[in-house]
Amino acid sequence: MGSPSKCFFGMSTSIRCRFHSEYQGNIAVCAIDDGSVLAGELPLKKHKLLVAWLEIYKDDPLANWQLAVNGKMLLQKVAKP
């Protein structure tokens, strides 16, 4: 995303596939399927970049979601926004 950012995966199977994204102190929970912000917030430009990144690399976070909910080790190489 141009500047330091982090992504974390939530592990509940009862709600929508999601990940947590952090950018300069802003934290958002985003849906993997469409990038919508489910909680928190990101600057608009960074959110647009995140959505574009998901269009290209959606398979990686989806694979990690499946691994996480099954208690398995996450993929080490995931394309970063």
N, C-alpha and C. Protein backbone atom coordinates (compact mmCIF):
# COMPACT_ATOMS: atom_id res chain seq x y z
N MET A 1 0.82 -1.18 0.00
CA MET A 1 0.00 0.00 0.00
C MET A 1 0.87 1.26 0.00
N GLY A 2 2.11 1.13 -0.32
CA GLY A 2 2.97 2.29 -0.40
C GLY A 2 3.70 2.60 0.89
N SER A 3 3.07 2.43 2.00
CA SER A 3 3.64 2.65 3.32
C SER A 3 3.38 1.41 4.16
N PRO A 4 4.01 1.35 5.32
CA PRO A 4 3.83 0.13 6.13
C PRO A 4 2.36 -0.21 6.37
N SER A 5 2.01 -1.45 6.10
CA SER A 5 0.66 -1.94 6.37
C SER A 5 0.78 -3.38 6.84
N LYS A 6 -0.22 -3.86 7.55
CA LYS A 6 -0.23 -5.22 8.05
C LYS A 6 -1.59 -5.81 7.78
N CYS A 7 -1.64 -7.11 7.58
CA CYS A 7 -2.91 -7.81 7.44
C CYS A 7 -2.94 -8.96 8.43
N PHE A 8 -4.08 -9.16 9.07
CA PHE A 8 -4.29 -10.23 10.02
C PHE A 8 -5.59 -10.93 9.65
N PHE A 9 -5.64 -12.23 9.85
CA PHE A 9 -6.84 -12.98 9.53
C PHE A 9 -7.62 -13.29 10.79
N GLY A 10 -8.94 -13.02 10.77
CA GLY A 10 -9.80 -13.44 11.86
C GLY A 10 -10.11 -14.91 11.68
N MET A 11 -10.42 -15.64 12.75
CA MET A 11 -10.57 -17.08 12.62
C MET A 11 -11.93 -17.63 12.99
N SER A 12 -12.97 -16.84 12.99
CA SER A 12 -14.29 -17.37 13.29
C SER A 12 -14.94 -17.87 12.01
N THR A 13 -15.54 -19.03 12.06
CA THR A 13 -16.21 -19.57 10.88
C THR A 13 -17.67 -19.11 10.80
N SER A 14 -18.15 -18.44 11.84
CA SER A 14 -19.56 -18.08 11.88
C SER A 14 -19.88 -16.79 11.14
N ILE A 15 -18.87 -16.06 10.72
CA ILE A 15 -19.12 -14.82 9.99
C ILE A 15 -18.34 -14.79 8.70
N ARG A 16 -18.57 -13.78 7.94
CA ARG A 16 -17.97 -13.60 6.62
C ARG A 16 -16.44 -13.68 6.65
N CYS A 17 -15.84 -14.27 5.60
CA CYS A 17 -14.38 -14.32 5.47
C CYS A 17 -13.84 -12.91 5.50
N ARG A 18 -12.85 -12.67 6.35
CA ARG A 18 -12.37 -11.31 6.50
C ARG A 18 -10.91 -11.30 6.92
N PHE A 19 -10.31 -10.14 6.83
CA PHE A 19 -8.98 -9.93 7.35
C PHE A 19 -8.91 -8.54 7.94
N HIS A 20 -7.93 -8.32 8.78
CA HIS A 20 -7.74 -7.03 9.44
C HIS A 20 -6.59 -6.34 8.72
N SER A 21 -6.77 -5.10 8.39
CA SER A 21 -5.74 -4.32 7.72
C SER A 21 -5.41 -3.09 8.55
N GLU A 22 -4.12 -2.81 8.67
CA GLU A 22 -3.68 -1.66 9.46
C GLU A 22 -2.83 -0.76 8.57
N TYR A 23 -3.10 0.53 8.64
CA TYR A 23 -2.31 1.52 7.90
C TYR A 23 -2.18 2.78 8.75
N GLN A 24 -0.98 3.09 9.16
CA GLN A 24 -0.68 4.28 9.94
C GLN A 24 -1.67 4.52 11.09
N GLY A 25 -1.89 3.48 11.87
CA GLY A 25 -2.77 3.62 13.03
C GLY A 25 -4.25 3.43 12.74
N ASN A 26 -4.64 3.39 11.47
CA ASN A 26 -6.04 3.11 11.10
C ASN A 26 -6.18 1.60 10.94
N ILE A 27 -7.17 1.03 11.57
CA ILE A 27 -7.38 -0.41 11.51
C ILE A 27 -8.78 -0.67 10.97
N ALA A 28 -8.88 -1.59 10.02
CA ALA A 28 -10.17 -1.95 9.45
C ALA A 28 -10.27 -3.46 9.33
N VAL A 29 -11.48 -3.96 9.48
CA VAL A 29 -11.79 -5.36 9.20
C VAL A 29 -12.46 -5.35 7.84
N CYS A 30 -11.87 -6.06 6.88
CA CYS A 30 -12.35 -6.03 5.50
C CYS A 30 -12.78 -7.42 5.03
N ALA A 31 -13.84 -7.47 4.24
CA ALA A 31 -14.31 -8.73 3.67
C ALA A 31 -13.37 -9.16 2.55
N ILE A 32 -13.03 -10.44 2.51
CA ILE A 32 -12.13 -10.94 1.47
C ILE A 32 -12.83 -10.95 0.12
N ASP A 33 -14.12 -11.23 0.08
CA ASP A 33 -14.80 -11.37 -1.21
C ASP A 33 -14.90 -10.08 -2.00
N ASP A 34 -15.11 -8.93 -1.33
CA ASP A 34 -15.26 -7.69 -2.09
C ASP A 34 -14.49 -6.50 -1.51
N GLY A 35 -13.77 -6.71 -0.42
CA GLY A 35 -12.97 -5.64 0.17
C GLY A 35 -13.75 -4.63 0.98
N SER A 36 -15.04 -4.85 1.15
CA SER A 36 -15.84 -3.87 1.91
C SER A 36 -15.35 -3.82 3.36
N VAL A 37 -15.42 -2.64 3.95
CA VAL A 37 -15.01 -2.44 5.34
C VAL A 37 -16.16 -2.86 6.23
N LEU A 38 -15.92 -3.87 7.06
CA LEU A 38 -16.94 -4.39 7.95
C LEU A 38 -16.91 -3.67 9.30
N ALA A 39 -15.73 -3.19 9.69
CA ALA A 39 -15.56 -2.45 10.94
C ALA A 39 -14.29 -1.62 10.83
N GLY A 40 -14.24 -0.52 11.55
CA GLY A 40 -13.08 0.34 11.53
C GLY A 40 -13.04 1.20 10.27
N GLU A 41 -11.85 1.70 9.94
CA GLU A 41 -11.74 2.53 8.76
C GLU A 41 -10.31 2.58 8.24
N LEU A 42 -10.20 2.87 6.95
CA LEU A 42 -8.94 3.13 6.27
C LEU A 42 -9.12 4.40 5.45
N PRO A 43 -8.04 5.14 5.19
CA PRO A 43 -8.17 6.28 4.29
C PRO A 43 -8.71 5.81 2.93
N LEU A 44 -9.53 6.62 2.29
CA LEU A 44 -10.19 6.24 1.04
C LEU A 44 -9.22 5.74 -0.02
N LYS A 45 -8.11 6.44 -0.23
CA LYS A 45 -7.14 6.02 -1.25
C LYS A 45 -6.56 4.65 -0.92
N LYS A 46 -6.28 4.39 0.35
CA LYS A 46 -5.72 3.09 0.74
C LYS A 46 -6.77 1.99 0.62
N HIS A 47 -8.01 2.32 0.91
CA HIS A 47 -9.08 1.32 0.75
C HIS A 47 -9.24 0.96 -0.73
N LYS A 48 -9.19 1.95 -1.61
CA LYS A 48 -9.29 1.67 -3.06
C LYS A 48 -8.14 0.79 -3.52
N LEU A 49 -6.94 1.05 -3.00
CA LEU A 49 -5.78 0.23 -3.34
C LEU A 49 -5.96 -1.19 -2.83
N LEU A 50 -6.50 -1.33 -1.63
CA LEU A 50 -6.75 -2.65 -1.07
C LEU A 50 -7.76 -3.43 -1.92
N VAL A 51 -8.81 -2.77 -2.37
CA VAL A 51 -9.81 -3.43 -3.22
C VAL A 51 -9.18 -3.87 -4.54
N ALA A 52 -8.34 -3.02 -5.12
CA ALA A 52 -7.66 -3.38 -6.37
C ALA A 52 -6.72 -4.57 -6.15
N TRP A 53 -6.01 -4.56 -5.01
CA TRP A 53 -5.12 -5.67 -4.68
C TRP A 53 -5.91 -6.97 -4.55
N LEU A 54 -7.09 -6.90 -3.91
CA LEU A 54 -7.92 -8.10 -3.75
C LEU A 54 -8.38 -8.66 -5.09
N GLU A 55 -8.65 -7.79 -6.05
CA GLU A 55 -9.07 -8.26 -7.38
C GLU A 55 -7.99 -9.13 -8.01
N ILE A 56 -6.74 -8.78 -7.77
CA ILE A 56 -5.62 -9.51 -8.37
C ILE A 56 -5.23 -10.73 -7.55
N TYR A 57 -5.17 -10.58 -6.22
CA TYR A 57 -4.60 -11.60 -5.35
C TYR A 57 -5.61 -12.27 -4.42
N LYS A 58 -6.87 -12.24 -4.73
CA LYS A 58 -7.90 -12.77 -3.83
C LYS A 58 -7.67 -14.22 -3.41
N ASP A 59 -7.07 -15.03 -4.28
CA ASP A 59 -6.86 -16.44 -3.95
C ASP A 59 -5.96 -16.63 -2.73
N ASP A 60 -4.96 -15.75 -2.55
CA ASP A 60 -4.06 -15.88 -1.40
C ASP A 60 -4.77 -15.68 -0.07
N PRO A 61 -5.49 -14.57 0.13
CA PRO A 61 -6.18 -14.43 1.43
C PRO A 61 -7.28 -15.47 1.63
N LEU A 62 -7.93 -15.91 0.56
CA LEU A 62 -8.94 -16.96 0.70
C LEU A 62 -8.30 -18.28 1.14
N ALA A 63 -7.15 -18.59 0.57
CA ALA A 63 -6.44 -19.81 0.96
C ALA A 63 -6.01 -19.72 2.42
N ASN A 64 -5.50 -18.57 2.83
CA ASN A 64 -5.09 -18.40 4.22
C ASN A 64 -6.29 -18.45 5.16
N TRP A 65 -7.43 -17.93 4.73
CA TRP A 65 -8.65 -18.01 5.54
C TRP A 65 -9.00 -19.47 5.81
N GLN A 66 -8.99 -20.28 4.75
CA GLN A 66 -9.32 -21.70 4.91
C GLN A 66 -8.32 -22.40 5.82
N LEU A 67 -7.04 -22.08 5.67
CA LEU A 67 -6.03 -22.68 6.53
C LEU A 67 -6.24 -22.25 7.98
N ALA A 68 -6.52 -20.97 8.20
CA ALA A 68 -6.70 -20.44 9.56
C ALA A 68 -7.87 -21.10 10.27
N VAL A 69 -9.02 -21.20 9.60
CA VAL A 69 -10.19 -21.79 10.27
C VAL A 69 -10.03 -23.29 10.50
N ASN A 70 -9.10 -23.91 9.77
CA ASN A 70 -8.83 -25.33 9.98
C ASN A 70 -7.63 -25.56 10.88
N GLY A 71 -7.11 -24.48 11.50
CA GLY A 71 -6.02 -24.60 12.45
C GLY A 71 -4.69 -24.97 11.83
N LYS A 72 -4.49 -24.66 10.57
CA LYS A 72 -3.26 -25.02 9.87
C LYS A 72 -2.33 -23.81 9.74
N MET A 73 -1.09 -24.08 9.39
CA MET A 73 -0.09 -23.03 9.19
C MET A 73 -0.45 -22.21 7.95
N LEU A 74 -0.38 -20.89 8.07
CA LEU A 74 -0.71 -20.00 6.96
C LEU A 74 0.39 -19.98 5.91
N LEU A 75 0.01 -19.60 4.70
CA LEU A 75 0.98 -19.46 3.62
C LEU A 75 2.01 -18.41 3.99
N GLN A 76 3.26 -18.67 3.71
CA GLN A 76 4.32 -17.72 4.04
C GLN A 76 4.45 -16.63 2.99
N LYS A 77 4.22 -16.98 1.74
CA LYS A 77 4.36 -16.00 0.65
C LYS A 77 2.98 -15.53 0.21
N VAL A 78 2.60 -14.37 0.65
CA VAL A 78 1.34 -13.77 0.22
C VAL A 78 1.70 -12.41 -0.32
N ALA A 79 1.20 -12.09 -1.52
CA ALA A 79 1.46 -10.78 -2.11
C ALA A 79 0.96 -9.69 -1.20
N LYS A 80 1.80 -8.70 -0.93
CA LYS A 80 1.41 -7.60 -0.04
C LYS A 80 0.95 -6.40 -0.85
N PRO A 81 -0.07 -5.73 -0.33
CA PRO A 81 -0.57 -4.54 -1.04
C PRO A 81 0.44 -3.41 -0.99
